[in-house]
Amino acid sequence: MVKRQFDYEKKYQELQEKVKELREMSKTFNIDLSGEIKSLEARMESLREEKYKNLSPWEKILLVRNPERPTSYDYIKFFCDEWIELHGDRLYGDDRAIIGGIGILEGQPLTIVGHQRGKDTKDNLLRNFGMPHPEGYRKVYRLLLQAEKFNRPVVTLVDTQGAYPGIGAEERGQAWSISQLLMTLAKIKVPVVSIVTGEGGSGGALALAVADRLLMLSNAVFSIASAEACASILWKDLQRVEEMAEAMKITAFDLHKLKIVDEIIEEPLGGAHKDFETTANNIKVSLKKALAELLSRDIDEILEERYNKFRNVGRFVENGSEKP
């Protein structure tokens, strides 16, 4: 990956220098070189497009960790005509690494919860870099029960490195709070749609990803653990992180092939942060379609399908065929 990245940067920089040189010549000698400049710019755009359409799994991990990438709150503000954020787990406190509340999407009330990263250092400290404590997951649990009581569909937005692994979090029941969510989402009697918008890491991400429909942005990743952790644990060698990322099958394409992800939502060239409105609108279209389909069906049928869906996870190998 490093060599490929270097080759791309070198070629792109060479074209940039040529364009700059032609612009200076055009200005100095008062000659029209617009045709040549346009041709080189087209080659630059083609090179850029080729790069972003062929990102390696590790390159996608680095892309979704970009601090400019949209957060759950950005998407919620775009989707919802109205939004009321709700706070606290009623047991310990309010975890800012997870946001949740009630939103109205074109007249349809929804309970929406999601991981929330920070935009800068100060915000990241407030949000604990998007890594929830157990009270964050208990907040989600509370909102799920409320959604079921008032028959509101649930939408979850997944974007976290994982649950916070600190001693305090473990003392307050991190593992139990996640397992409680997994059980609740598996049996909750309302439709659930989950969208992986960035980095879906470990059980902290899985806690919000048990859903009737799992959607995923094209550059997003979803894995049992980070590539760095797996390389360190299995190979005792952090230098093999790129190889591990490839082996883990963490991209939207790989997971769709394995029948874990139901739909891939395309991002603009360069990633979601390059064109937020297009990305958010693409998500909104897919979300509305998934909700409309689920809301047209009987809840008992949805629950049976949900059970069978997760019962069958693991029966599929890479080529998509079932194990005997």
C-alpha atoms as a PDB file:
ATOM      1  CA  MET A   1       0.000   0.000   0.000  1.00  0.00           C
ATOM      2  CA  VAL A   2       2.827   2.399   0.864  1.00  0.00           C
ATOM      3  CA  LYS A   3       4.437   1.946  -2.576  1.00  0.00           C
ATOM      4  CA  ARG A   4       1.098   2.359  -4.356  1.00  0.00           C
ATOM      5  CA  GLN A   5       0.352   5.499  -2.356  1.00  0.00           C
ATOM      6  CA  PHE A   6       3.817   6.851  -3.171  1.00  0.00           C
ATOM      7  CA  ASP A   7       3.341   6.135  -6.908  1.00  0.00           C
ATOM      8  CA  TYR A   8      -0.005   7.928  -6.914  1.00  0.00           C
ATOM      9  CA  GLU A   9       1.335  10.959  -5.058  1.00  0.00           C
ATOM     10  CA  LYS A  10       4.357  11.134  -7.365  1.00  0.00           C
ATOM     11  CA  LYS A  11       2.281  10.998 -10.566  1.00  0.00           C
ATOM     12  CA  TYR A  12      -0.268  13.472  -9.219  1.00  0.00           C
ATOM     13  CA  GLN A  13       2.445  15.900  -8.135  1.00  0.00           C
ATOM     14  CA  GLU A  14       4.146  15.670 -11.545  1.00  0.00           C
ATOM     15  CA  LEU A  15       0.875  16.576 -13.273  1.00  0.00           C
ATOM     16  CA  GLN A  16       0.303  19.449 -10.853  1.00  0.00           C
ATOM     17  CA  GLU A  17       3.768  20.829 -11.625  1.00  0.00           C
ATOM     18  CA  LYS A  18       3.119  20.602 -15.370  1.00  0.00           C
ATOM     19  CA  VAL A  19      -0.183  22.450 -15.034  1.00  0.00           C
ATOM     20  CA  LYS A  20       1.502  25.148 -12.961  1.00  0.00           C
ATOM     21  CA  GLU A  21       4.286  25.461 -15.531  1.00  0.00           C
ATOM     22  CA  LEU A  22       1.837  25.785 -18.430  1.00  0.00           C
ATOM     23  CA  ARG A  23      -0.165  28.454 -16.588  1.00  0.00           C
ATOM     24  CA  GLU A  24       2.995  30.488 -16.040  1.00  0.00           C
ATOM     25  CA  MET A  25       4.041  30.097 -19.685  1.00  0.00           C
ATOM     26  CA  SER A  26       0.589  31.143 -20.845  1.00  0.00           C
ATOM     27  CA  LYS A  27       0.762  34.269 -18.696  1.00  0.00           C
ATOM     28  CA  THR A  28       4.389  35.133 -19.535  1.00  0.00           C
ATOM     29  CA  PHE A  29       4.218  34.669 -23.290  1.00  0.00           C
ATOM     30  CA  ASN A  30       0.538  35.568 -23.707  1.00  0.00           C
ATOM     31  CA  ILE A  31      -0.303  32.322 -25.516  1.00  0.00           C
ATOM     32  CA  ASP A  32      -3.381  30.136 -25.215  1.00  0.00           C
ATOM     33  CA  LEU A  33      -2.509  26.831 -23.554  1.00  0.00           C
ATOM     34  CA  SER A  34      -5.981  26.170 -22.169  1.00  0.00           C
ATOM     35  CA  GLY A  35      -6.376  22.984 -24.227  1.00  0.00           C
ATOM     36  CA  GLU A  36      -3.182  21.443 -22.848  1.00  0.00           C
ATOM     37  CA  ILE A  37      -4.048  22.550 -19.300  1.00  0.00           C
ATOM     38  CA  LYS A  38      -7.542  21.075 -19.562  1.00  0.00           C
ATOM     39  CA  SER A  39      -6.111  17.783 -20.836  1.00  0.00           C
ATOM     40  CA  LEU A  40      -3.692  17.535 -17.897  1.00  0.00           C
ATOM     41  CA  GLU A  41      -6.422  18.403 -15.390  1.00  0.00           C
ATOM     42  CA  ALA A  42      -8.585  15.638 -16.887  1.00  0.00           C
ATOM     43  CA  ARG A  43      -5.704  13.202 -16.384  1.00  0.00           C
ATOM     44  CA  MET A  44      -5.357  14.370 -12.777  1.00  0.00           C
ATOM     45  CA  GLU A  45      -9.062  13.797 -12.159  1.00  0.00           C
ATOM     46  CA  SER A  46      -8.868  10.364 -13.793  1.00  0.00           C
ATOM     47  CA  LEU A  47      -5.914   9.451 -11.598  1.00  0.00           C
ATOM     48  CA  ARG A  48      -7.756  10.639  -8.491  1.00  0.00           C
ATOM     49  CA  GLU A  49     -10.843   8.663  -9.461  1.00  0.00           C
ATOM     50  CA  GLU A  50      -8.782   5.530 -10.044  1.00  0.00           C
ATOM     51  CA  LYS A  51      -7.185   5.895  -6.622  1.00  0.00           C
ATOM     52  CA  TYR A  52     -10.430   6.278  -4.660  1.00  0.00           C
ATOM     53  CA  LYS A  53     -12.213   3.492  -6.518  1.00  0.00           C
ATOM     54  CA  ASN A  54      -9.444   1.031  -5.654  1.00  0.00           C
ATOM     55  CA  LEU A  55      -8.670   1.762  -2.015  1.00  0.00           C
ATOM     56  CA  SER A  56      -7.234  -1.089   0.014  1.00  0.00           C
ATOM     57  CA  PRO A  57      -8.968  -2.058   3.298  1.00  0.00           C
ATOM     58  CA  TRP A  58      -6.254  -0.257   5.282  1.00  0.00           C
ATOM     59  CA  GLU A  59      -6.639   2.874   3.170  1.00  0.00           C
ATOM     60  CA  LYS A  60     -10.384   2.795   3.885  1.00  0.00           C
ATOM     61  CA  ILE A  61      -9.679   2.560   7.618  1.00  0.00           C
ATOM     62  CA  LEU A  62      -7.497   5.662   7.380  1.00  0.00           C
ATOM     63  CA  LEU A  63     -10.154   7.422   5.291  1.00  0.00           C
ATOM     64  CA  VAL A  64     -13.000   6.839   7.770  1.00  0.00           C
ATOM     65  CA  ARG A  65     -10.781   8.085  10.598  1.00  0.00           C
ATOM     66  CA  ASN A  66     -10.478  11.458   8.883  1.00  0.00           C
ATOM     67  CA  PRO A  67     -11.539  14.075  11.478  1.00  0.00           C
ATOM     68  CA  GLU A  68     -13.510  15.950   8.802  1.00  0.00           C
ATOM     69  CA  ARG A  69     -15.795  12.982   8.155  1.00  0.00           C
ATOM     70  CA  PRO A  70     -19.467  13.670   9.028  1.00  0.00           C
ATOM     71  CA  THR A  71     -20.708  12.500  12.422  1.00  0.00           C
ATOM     72  CA  SER A  72     -24.001  10.974  13.517  1.00  0.00           C
ATOM     73  CA  TYR A  73     -25.275  14.380  14.623  1.00  0.00           C
ATOM     74  CA  ASP A  74     -24.558  15.831  11.155  1.00  0.00           C
ATOM     75  CA  TYR A  75     -26.682  13.126   9.540  1.00  0.00           C
ATOM     76  CA  ILE A  76     -29.494  13.453  12.087  1.00  0.00           C
ATOM     77  CA  LYS A  77     -29.747  17.201  11.466  1.00  0.00           C
ATOM     78  CA  PHE A  78     -29.960  16.504   7.731  1.00  0.00           C
ATOM     79  CA  PHE A  79     -32.581  13.724   7.976  1.00  0.00           C
ATOM     80  CA  CYS A  80     -34.932  15.109  10.572  1.00  0.00           C
ATOM     81  CA  ASP A  81     -37.456  17.895  10.240  1.00  0.00           C
ATOM     82  CA  GLU A  82     -37.593  17.887  14.057  1.00  0.00           C
ATOM     83  CA  TRP A  83     -35.160  16.431  16.596  1.00  0.00           C
ATOM     84  CA  ILE A  84     -35.323  16.143  20.380  1.00  0.00           C
ATOM     85  CA  GLU A  85     -32.199  14.758  22.045  1.00  0.00           C
ATOM     86  CA  LEU A  86     -32.702  12.724  25.209  1.00  0.00           C
ATOM     87  CA  HIS A  87     -30.006  12.262  27.848  1.00  0.00           C
ATOM     88  CA  GLY A  88     -28.921   9.912  30.591  1.00  0.00           C
ATOM     89  CA  ASP A  89     -29.287   6.259  31.566  1.00  0.00           C
ATOM     90  CA  ARG A  90     -31.204   7.006  34.816  1.00  0.00           C
ATOM     91  CA  LEU A  91     -28.546   5.050  36.711  1.00  0.00           C
ATOM     92  CA  TYR A  92     -25.205   6.827  36.486  1.00  0.00           C
ATOM     93  CA  GLY A  93     -24.993   9.697  34.010  1.00  0.00           C
ATOM     94  CA  ASP A  94     -25.076  10.881  30.422  1.00  0.00           C
ATOM     95  CA  ASP A  95     -22.454   9.525  28.036  1.00  0.00           C
ATOM     96  CA  ARG A  96     -21.695  12.063  25.278  1.00  0.00           C
ATOM     97  CA  ALA A  97     -20.073   9.358  23.109  1.00  0.00           C
ATOM     98  CA  ILE A  98     -23.589   8.207  22.197  1.00  0.00           C
ATOM     99  CA  ILE A  99     -26.441  10.494  21.206  1.00  0.00           C
ATOM    100  CA  GLY A 100     -30.068   9.496  21.049  1.00  0.00           C
ATOM    101  CA  GLY A 101     -33.533  10.925  20.819  1.00  0.00           C
ATOM    102  CA  ILE A 102     -36.699  11.287  18.782  1.00  0.00           C
ATOM    103  CA  GLY A 103     -36.680  12.556  15.221  1.00  0.00           C
ATOM    104  CA  ILE A 104     -39.319  13.169  12.568  1.00  0.00           C
ATOM    105  CA  LEU A 105     -38.410  12.000   9.059  1.00  0.00           C
ATOM    106  CA  GLU A 106     -41.003  13.341   6.607  1.00  0.00           C
ATOM    107  CA  GLY A 107     -43.811  12.789   9.099  1.00  0.00           C
ATOM    108  CA  GLN A 108     -42.540   9.447  10.451  1.00  0.00           C
ATOM    109  CA  PRO A 109     -41.482   9.492  14.127  1.00  0.00           C
ATOM    110  CA  LEU A 110     -38.250   7.582  14.753  1.00  0.00           C
ATOM    111  CA  THR A 111     -36.021   6.754  17.674  1.00  0.00           C
ATOM    112  CA  ILE A 112     -32.480   7.482  16.481  1.00  0.00           C
ATOM    113  CA  VAL A 113     -29.297   6.571  18.350  1.00  0.00           C
ATOM    114  CA  GLY A 114     -25.693   6.732  17.230  1.00  0.00           C
ATOM    115  CA  HIS A 115     -22.053   6.915  18.188  1.00  0.00           C
ATOM    116  CA  GLN A 116     -20.758  10.480  18.256  1.00  0.00           C
ATOM    117  CA  ARG A 117     -17.129  11.413  17.603  1.00  0.00           C
ATOM    118  CA  GLY A 118     -15.706  14.863  18.174  1.00  0.00           C
ATOM    119  CA  LYS A 119     -14.830  17.438  15.528  1.00  0.00           C
ATOM    120  CA  ASP A 120     -11.697  18.746  17.252  1.00  0.00           C
ATOM    121  CA  THR A 121      -9.555  18.010  20.310  1.00  0.00           C
ATOM    122  CA  LYS A 122     -11.887  19.733  22.779  1.00  0.00           C
ATOM    123  CA  ASP A 123     -14.961  18.042  21.305  1.00  0.00           C
ATOM    124  CA  ASN A 124     -13.218  14.658  21.198  1.00  0.00           C
ATOM    125  CA  LEU A 125     -12.398  14.923  24.888  1.00  0.00           C
ATOM    126  CA  LEU A 126     -16.074  15.669  25.581  1.00  0.00           C
ATOM    127  CA  ARG A 127     -17.158  12.749  23.387  1.00  0.00           C
ATOM    128  CA  ASN A 128     -14.387  10.421  24.628  1.00  0.00           C
ATOM    129  CA  PHE A 129     -13.273  10.051  20.982  1.00  0.00           C
ATOM    130  CA  GLY A 130     -16.551   8.277  20.191  1.00  0.00           C
ATOM    131  CA  MET A 131     -15.851   5.359  22.572  1.00  0.00           C
ATOM    132  CA  PRO A 132     -18.921   4.777  24.779  1.00  0.00           C
ATOM    133  CA  HIS A 133     -19.009   3.897  28.470  1.00  0.00           C
ATOM    134  CA  PRO A 134     -21.644   1.469  29.808  1.00  0.00           C
ATOM    135  CA  GLU A 135     -23.981   4.361  30.666  1.00  0.00           C
ATOM    136  CA  GLY A 136     -24.042   5.226  26.947  1.00  0.00           C
ATOM    137  CA  TYR A 137     -25.278   1.756  26.078  1.00  0.00           C
ATOM    138  CA  ARG A 138     -27.744   1.858  28.953  1.00  0.00           C
ATOM    139  CA  LYS A 139     -29.049   5.146  27.544  1.00  0.00           C
ATOM    140  CA  VAL A 140     -29.656   3.361  24.241  1.00  0.00           C
ATOM    141  CA  TYR A 141     -31.370   0.507  26.087  1.00  0.00           C
ATOM    142  CA  ARG A 142     -33.722   2.988  27.756  1.00  0.00           C
ATOM    143  CA  LEU A 143     -34.564   4.612  24.436  1.00  0.00           C
ATOM    144  CA  LEU A 144     -35.173   1.237  22.772  1.00  0.00           C
ATOM    145  CA  LEU A 145     -37.765   0.313  25.397  1.00  0.00           C
ATOM    146  CA  GLN A 146     -39.380   3.709  24.903  1.00  0.00           C
ATOM    147  CA  ALA A 147     -39.445   3.166  21.128  1.00  0.00           C
ATOM    148  CA  GLU A 148     -41.138  -0.197  21.570  1.00  0.00           C
ATOM    149  CA  LYS A 149     -43.698   1.268  23.976  1.00  0.00           C
ATOM    150  CA  PHE A 150     -44.714   3.973  21.490  1.00  0.00           C
ATOM    151  CA  ASN A 151     -44.258   1.797  18.396  1.00  0.00           C
ATOM    152  CA  ARG A 152     -41.506   3.941  16.841  1.00  0.00           C
ATOM    153  CA  PRO A 153     -39.069   2.359  14.345  1.00  0.00           C
ATOM    154  CA  VAL A 154     -35.427   2.482  15.444  1.00  0.00           C
ATOM    155  CA  VAL A 155     -32.495   3.817  13.397  1.00  0.00           C
ATOM    156  CA  THR A 156     -28.928   3.345  14.616  1.00  0.00           C
ATOM    157  CA  LEU A 157     -25.805   5.055  13.274  1.00  0.00           C
ATOM    158  CA  VAL A 158     -22.557   3.138  13.812  1.00  0.00           C
ATOM    159  CA  ASP A 159     -19.205   4.934  13.944  1.00  0.00           C
ATOM    160  CA  THR A 160     -16.778   4.001  16.725  1.00  0.00           C
ATOM    161  CA  GLN A 161     -13.372   2.428  17.298  1.00  0.00           C
ATOM    162  CA  GLY A 162     -15.081   0.359  19.975  1.00  0.00           C
ATOM    163  CA  ALA A 163     -16.423   0.554  23.506  1.00  0.00           C
ATOM    164  CA  TYR A 164     -14.154   2.329  25.994  1.00  0.00           C
ATOM    165  CA  PRO A 165     -11.831  -0.305  27.576  1.00  0.00           C
ATOM    166  CA  GLY A 166     -11.004   1.586  30.781  1.00  0.00           C
ATOM    167  CA  ILE A 167     -11.136   0.118  34.283  1.00  0.00           C
ATOM    168  CA  GLY A 168     -14.023   2.379  35.312  1.00  0.00           C
ATOM    169  CA  ALA A 169     -16.110   1.218  32.344  1.00  0.00           C
ATOM    170  CA  GLU A 170     -15.490  -2.420  33.249  1.00  0.00           C
ATOM    171  CA  GLU A 171     -16.347  -1.753  36.896  1.00  0.00           C
ATOM    172  CA  ARG A 172     -19.670  -0.224  35.826  1.00  0.00           C
ATOM    173  CA  GLY A 173     -20.602  -3.232  33.663  1.00  0.00           C
ATOM    174  CA  GLN A 174     -19.396  -2.554  30.124  1.00  0.00           C
ATOM    175  CA  ALA A 175     -19.777  -6.163  28.937  1.00  0.00           C
ATOM    176  CA  TRP A 176     -23.218  -6.541  30.504  1.00  0.00           C
ATOM    177  CA  SER A 177     -24.507  -3.273  29.029  1.00  0.00           C
ATOM    178  CA  ILE A 178     -23.453  -4.379  25.531  1.00  0.00           C
ATOM    179  CA  SER A 179     -24.932  -7.864  25.907  1.00  0.00           C
ATOM    180  CA  GLN A 180     -28.166  -6.317  27.176  1.00  0.00           C
ATOM    181  CA  LEU A 181     -28.386  -4.228  24.009  1.00  0.00           C
ATOM    182  CA  LEU A 182     -27.703  -7.222  21.774  1.00  0.00           C
ATOM    183  CA  MET A 183     -30.535  -9.156  23.396  1.00  0.00           C
ATOM    184  CA  THR A 184     -32.916  -6.196  23.275  1.00  0.00           C
ATOM    185  CA  LEU A 185     -32.307  -5.398  19.614  1.00  0.00           C
ATOM    186  CA  ALA A 186     -32.726  -9.069  18.727  1.00  0.00           C
ATOM    187  CA  LYS A 187     -36.270  -9.188  20.092  1.00  0.00           C
ATOM    188  CA  ILE A 188     -37.576  -5.590  20.063  1.00  0.00           C
ATOM    189  CA  LYS A 189     -41.025  -5.437  18.435  1.00  0.00           C
ATOM    190  CA  VAL A 190     -40.397  -2.538  16.065  1.00  0.00           C
ATOM    191  CA  PRO A 191     -38.414  -2.368  12.789  1.00  0.00           C
ATOM    192  CA  VAL A 192     -34.692  -1.621  13.180  1.00  0.00           C
ATOM    193  CA  VAL A 193     -32.407  -0.151  10.510  1.00  0.00           C
ATOM    194  CA  SER A 194     -28.686   0.223  11.195  1.00  0.00           C
ATOM    195  CA  ILE A 195     -26.244   2.282   9.104  1.00  0.00           C
ATOM    196  CA  VAL A 196     -22.460   1.937   9.382  1.00  0.00           C
ATOM    197  CA  THR A 197     -21.305   5.441   8.484  1.00  0.00           C
ATOM    198  CA  GLY A 198     -17.621   5.211   9.406  1.00  0.00           C
ATOM    199  CA  GLU A 199     -15.591   2.832  11.548  1.00  0.00           C
ATOM    200  CA  GLY A 200     -17.539  -0.051  13.028  1.00  0.00           C
ATOM    201  CA  GLY A 201     -15.155  -1.474  15.582  1.00  0.00           C
ATOM    202  CA  SER A 202     -15.571  -4.429  17.920  1.00  0.00           C
ATOM    203  CA  GLY A 203     -18.495  -5.109  20.261  1.00  0.00           C
ATOM    204  CA  GLY A 204     -18.934  -1.385  20.774  1.00  0.00           C
ATOM    205  CA  ALA A 205     -20.170  -1.155  17.193  1.00  0.00           C
ATOM    206  CA  LEU A 206     -21.982  -4.494  17.135  1.00  0.00           C
ATOM    207  CA  ALA A 207     -24.077  -3.311  20.079  1.00  0.00           C
ATOM    208  CA  LEU A 208     -25.944  -0.961  17.713  1.00  0.00           C
ATOM    209  CA  ALA A 209     -25.815  -3.140  14.599  1.00  0.00           C
ATOM    210  CA  VAL A 210     -28.317  -5.934  15.293  1.00  0.00           C
ATOM    211  CA  ALA A 211     -30.959  -4.831  12.817  1.00  0.00           C
ATOM    212  CA  ASP A 212     -33.496  -5.935  10.235  1.00  0.00           C
ATOM    213  CA  ARG A 213     -31.571  -4.007   7.591  1.00  0.00           C
ATOM    214  CA  LEU A 214     -27.853  -3.279   7.865  1.00  0.00           C
ATOM    215  CA  LEU A 215     -26.720  -0.539   5.464  1.00  0.00           C
ATOM    216  CA  MET A 216     -23.120   0.561   4.999  1.00  0.00           C
ATOM    217  CA  LEU A 217     -21.368   3.460   3.313  1.00  0.00           C
ATOM    218  CA  SER A 218     -19.019   2.293   0.571  1.00  0.00           C
ATOM    219  CA  ASN A 219     -15.844   3.429   2.350  1.00  0.00           C
ATOM    220  CA  ALA A 220     -16.948   2.348   5.823  1.00  0.00           C
ATOM    221  CA  VAL A 221     -15.438  -0.631   7.650  1.00  0.00           C
ATOM    222  CA  PHE A 222     -16.952  -3.093  10.121  1.00  0.00           C
ATOM    223  CA  SER A 223     -14.891  -5.596  12.096  1.00  0.00           C
ATOM    224  CA  ILE A 224     -14.632  -7.704  15.220  1.00  0.00           C
ATOM    225  CA  ALA A 225     -11.603  -5.669  16.348  1.00  0.00           C
ATOM    226  CA  SER A 226      -9.245  -3.081  14.908  1.00  0.00           C
ATOM    227  CA  ALA A 227      -6.657  -4.237  12.382  1.00  0.00           C
ATOM    228  CA  GLU A 228      -3.932  -2.966  14.723  1.00  0.00           C
ATOM    229  CA  ALA A 229      -5.259  -5.051  17.644  1.00  0.00           C
ATOM    230  CA  CYS A 230      -5.570  -8.199  15.526  1.00  0.00           C
ATOM    231  CA  ALA A 231      -2.074  -7.836  14.072  1.00  0.00           C
ATOM    232  CA  SER A 232      -0.658  -7.386  17.573  1.00  0.00           C
ATOM    233  CA  ILE A 233      -2.606 -10.288  19.075  1.00  0.00           C
ATOM    234  CA  LEU A 234      -2.318 -12.875  16.294  1.00  0.00           C
ATOM    235  CA  TRP A 235       1.036 -12.045  14.729  1.00  0.00           C
ATOM    236  CA  LYS A 236       2.726 -10.021  17.477  1.00  0.00           C
ATOM    237  CA  ASP A 237       3.703  -7.629  14.717  1.00  0.00           C
ATOM    238  CA  LEU A 238       2.080  -4.233  14.264  1.00  0.00           C
ATOM    239  CA  GLN A 239       3.992  -3.773  11.003  1.00  0.00           C
ATOM    240  CA  ARG A 240       1.654  -6.319   9.359  1.00  0.00           C
ATOM    241  CA  VAL A 241      -1.443  -4.190   9.985  1.00  0.00           C
ATOM    242  CA  GLU A 242      -2.156  -3.683   6.263  1.00  0.00           C
ATOM    243  CA  GLU A 243      -1.992  -7.432   5.663  1.00  0.00           C
ATOM    244  CA  MET A 244      -4.325  -8.024   8.579  1.00  0.00           C
ATOM    245  CA  ALA A 245      -6.823  -5.446   7.314  1.00  0.00           C
ATOM    246  CA  GLU A 246      -6.925  -7.319   3.998  1.00  0.00           C
ATOM    247  CA  ALA A 247      -7.402 -10.704   5.691  1.00  0.00           C
ATOM    248  CA  MET A 248     -10.209  -9.574   7.997  1.00  0.00           C
ATOM    249  CA  LYS A 249     -12.740  -8.824   5.200  1.00  0.00           C
ATOM    250  CA  ILE A 250     -13.908  -5.583   6.774  1.00  0.00           C
ATOM    251  CA  THR A 251     -15.030  -3.531   3.771  1.00  0.00           C
ATOM    252  CA  ALA A 252     -18.618  -2.957   2.677  1.00  0.00           C
ATOM    253  CA  PHE A 253     -17.999  -5.002  -0.491  1.00  0.00           C
ATOM    254  CA  ASP A 254     -16.633  -7.993   1.440  1.00  0.00           C
ATOM    255  CA  LEU A 255     -19.428  -7.918   4.019  1.00  0.00           C
ATOM    256  CA  HIS A 256     -22.116  -7.588   1.355  1.00  0.00           C
ATOM    257  CA  LYS A 257     -20.624 -10.607  -0.400  1.00  0.00           C
ATOM    258  CA  LEU A 258     -20.775 -12.519   2.887  1.00  0.00           C
ATOM    259  CA  LYS A 259     -24.472 -11.555   3.252  1.00  0.00           C
ATOM    260  CA  ILE A 260     -23.857  -9.604   6.460  1.00  0.00           C
ATOM    261  CA  VAL A 261     -24.564  -6.188   4.947  1.00  0.00           C
ATOM    262  CA  ASP A 262     -27.854  -5.754   3.090  1.00  0.00           C
ATOM    263  CA  GLU A 263     -27.014  -2.665   1.021  1.00  0.00           C
ATOM    264  CA  ILE A 264     -23.970  -0.571   0.145  1.00  0.00           C
ATOM    265  CA  ILE A 265     -24.558   3.188  -0.062  1.00  0.00           C
ATOM    266  CA  GLU A 266     -22.174   4.936  -2.442  1.00  0.00           C
ATOM    267  CA  GLU A 267     -20.016   7.818  -1.245  1.00  0.00           C
ATOM    268  CA  PRO A 268     -18.767  10.666  -3.455  1.00  0.00           C
ATOM    269  CA  LEU A 269     -15.247  10.483  -4.847  1.00  0.00           C
ATOM    270  CA  GLY A 270     -12.778  11.182  -2.053  1.00  0.00           C
ATOM    271  CA  GLY A 271     -15.124  10.194   0.762  1.00  0.00           C
ATOM    272  CA  ALA A 272     -18.216  11.464   2.604  1.00  0.00           C
ATOM    273  CA  HIS A 273     -16.460  14.585   3.892  1.00  0.00           C
ATOM    274  CA  LYS A 274     -15.828  15.799   0.348  1.00  0.00           C
ATOM    275  CA  ASP A 275     -19.552  16.126  -0.396  1.00  0.00           C
ATOM    276  CA  PHE A 276     -21.653  15.801   2.738  1.00  0.00           C
ATOM    277  CA  GLU A 277     -24.977  16.718   1.133  1.00  0.00           C
ATOM    278  CA  THR A 278     -24.701  14.042  -1.565  1.00  0.00           C
ATOM    279  CA  THR A 279     -23.664  11.427   0.999  1.00  0.00           C
ATOM    280  CA  ALA A 280     -26.450  12.346   3.425  1.00  0.00           C
ATOM    281  CA  ASN A 281     -29.038  12.370   0.662  1.00  0.00           C
ATOM    282  CA  ASN A 282     -27.908   8.924  -0.537  1.00  0.00           C
ATOM    283  CA  ILE A 283     -28.297   7.605   3.006  1.00  0.00           C
ATOM    284  CA  LYS A 284     -31.692   9.257   3.373  1.00  0.00           C
ATOM    285  CA  VAL A 285     -32.996   7.642   0.172  1.00  0.00           C
ATOM    286  CA  SER A 286     -31.836   4.167   1.278  1.00  0.00           C
ATOM    287  CA  LEU A 287     -33.161   4.689   4.798  1.00  0.00           C
ATOM    288  CA  LYS A 288     -36.614   5.747   3.582  1.00  0.00           C
ATOM    289  CA  LYS A 289     -36.739   2.754   1.249  1.00  0.00           C
ATOM    290  CA  ALA A 290     -35.799   0.312   4.044  1.00  0.00           C
ATOM    291  CA  LEU A 291     -38.283   1.819   6.491  1.00  0.00           C
ATOM    292  CA  ALA A 292     -41.113   1.823   3.953  1.00  0.00           C
ATOM    293  CA  GLU A 293     -40.548  -1.843   3.182  1.00  0.00           C
ATOM    294  CA  LEU A 294     -40.385  -2.867   6.855  1.00  0.00           C
ATOM    295  CA  LEU A 295     -43.355  -0.762   7.959  1.00  0.00           C
ATOM    296  CA  SER A 296     -45.531  -2.407   5.305  1.00  0.00           C
ATOM    297  CA  ARG A 297     -45.063  -5.809   6.946  1.00  0.00           C
ATOM    298  CA  ASP A 298     -46.397  -7.543  10.041  1.00  0.00           C
ATOM    299  CA  ILE A 299     -44.068  -7.297  13.058  1.00  0.00           C
ATOM    300  CA  ASP A 300     -44.214 -11.044  13.740  1.00  0.00           C
ATOM    301  CA  GLU A 301     -42.938 -11.693  10.230  1.00  0.00           C
ATOM    302  CA  ILE A 302     -40.148  -9.146  10.758  1.00  0.00           C
ATOM    303  CA  LEU A 303     -39.120 -10.773  14.054  1.00  0.00           C
ATOM    304  CA  GLU A 304     -38.981 -14.225  12.475  1.00  0.00           C
ATOM    305  CA  GLU A 305     -36.877 -12.902   9.602  1.00  0.00           C
ATOM    306  CA  ARG A 306     -34.571 -11.104  12.038  1.00  0.00           C
ATOM    307  CA  TYR A 307     -34.061 -14.310  14.007  1.00  0.00           C
ATOM    308  CA  ASN A 308     -33.306 -16.338  10.894  1.00  0.00           C
ATOM    309  CA  LYS A 309     -30.973 -13.652   9.557  1.00  0.00           C
ATOM    310  CA  PHE A 310     -28.666 -13.785  12.561  1.00  0.00           C
ATOM    311  CA  ARG A 311     -29.120 -17.502  13.012  1.00  0.00           C
ATOM    312  CA  ASN A 312     -27.681 -17.929   9.533  1.00  0.00           C
ATOM    313  CA  VAL A 313     -24.706 -15.606   9.974  1.00  0.00           C
ATOM    314  CA  GLY A 314     -21.629 -17.808   9.797  1.00  0.00           C
ATOM    315  CA  ARG A 315     -23.127 -20.306   7.374  1.00  0.00           C
ATOM    316  CA  PHE A 316     -21.706 -18.422   4.447  1.00  0.00           C
ATOM    317  CA  VAL A 317     -18.127 -18.662   3.237  1.00  0.00           C
ATOM    318  CA  GLU A 318     -16.353 -16.077   1.097  1.00  0.00           C
ATOM    319  CA  ASN A 319     -17.877 -17.206  -2.191  1.00  0.00           C
ATOM    320  CA  GLY A 320     -21.370 -16.771  -0.780  1.00  0.00           C
ATOM    321  CA  SER A 321     -22.353 -20.438  -0.678  1.00  0.00           C
ATOM    322  CA  GLU A 322     -23.710 -22.097   2.451  1.00  0.00           C
ATOM    323  CA  LYS A 323     -21.652 -24.513   4.466  1.00  0.00           C
ATOM    324  CA  PRO A 324     -22.984 -28.081   4.387  1.00  0.00           C
END
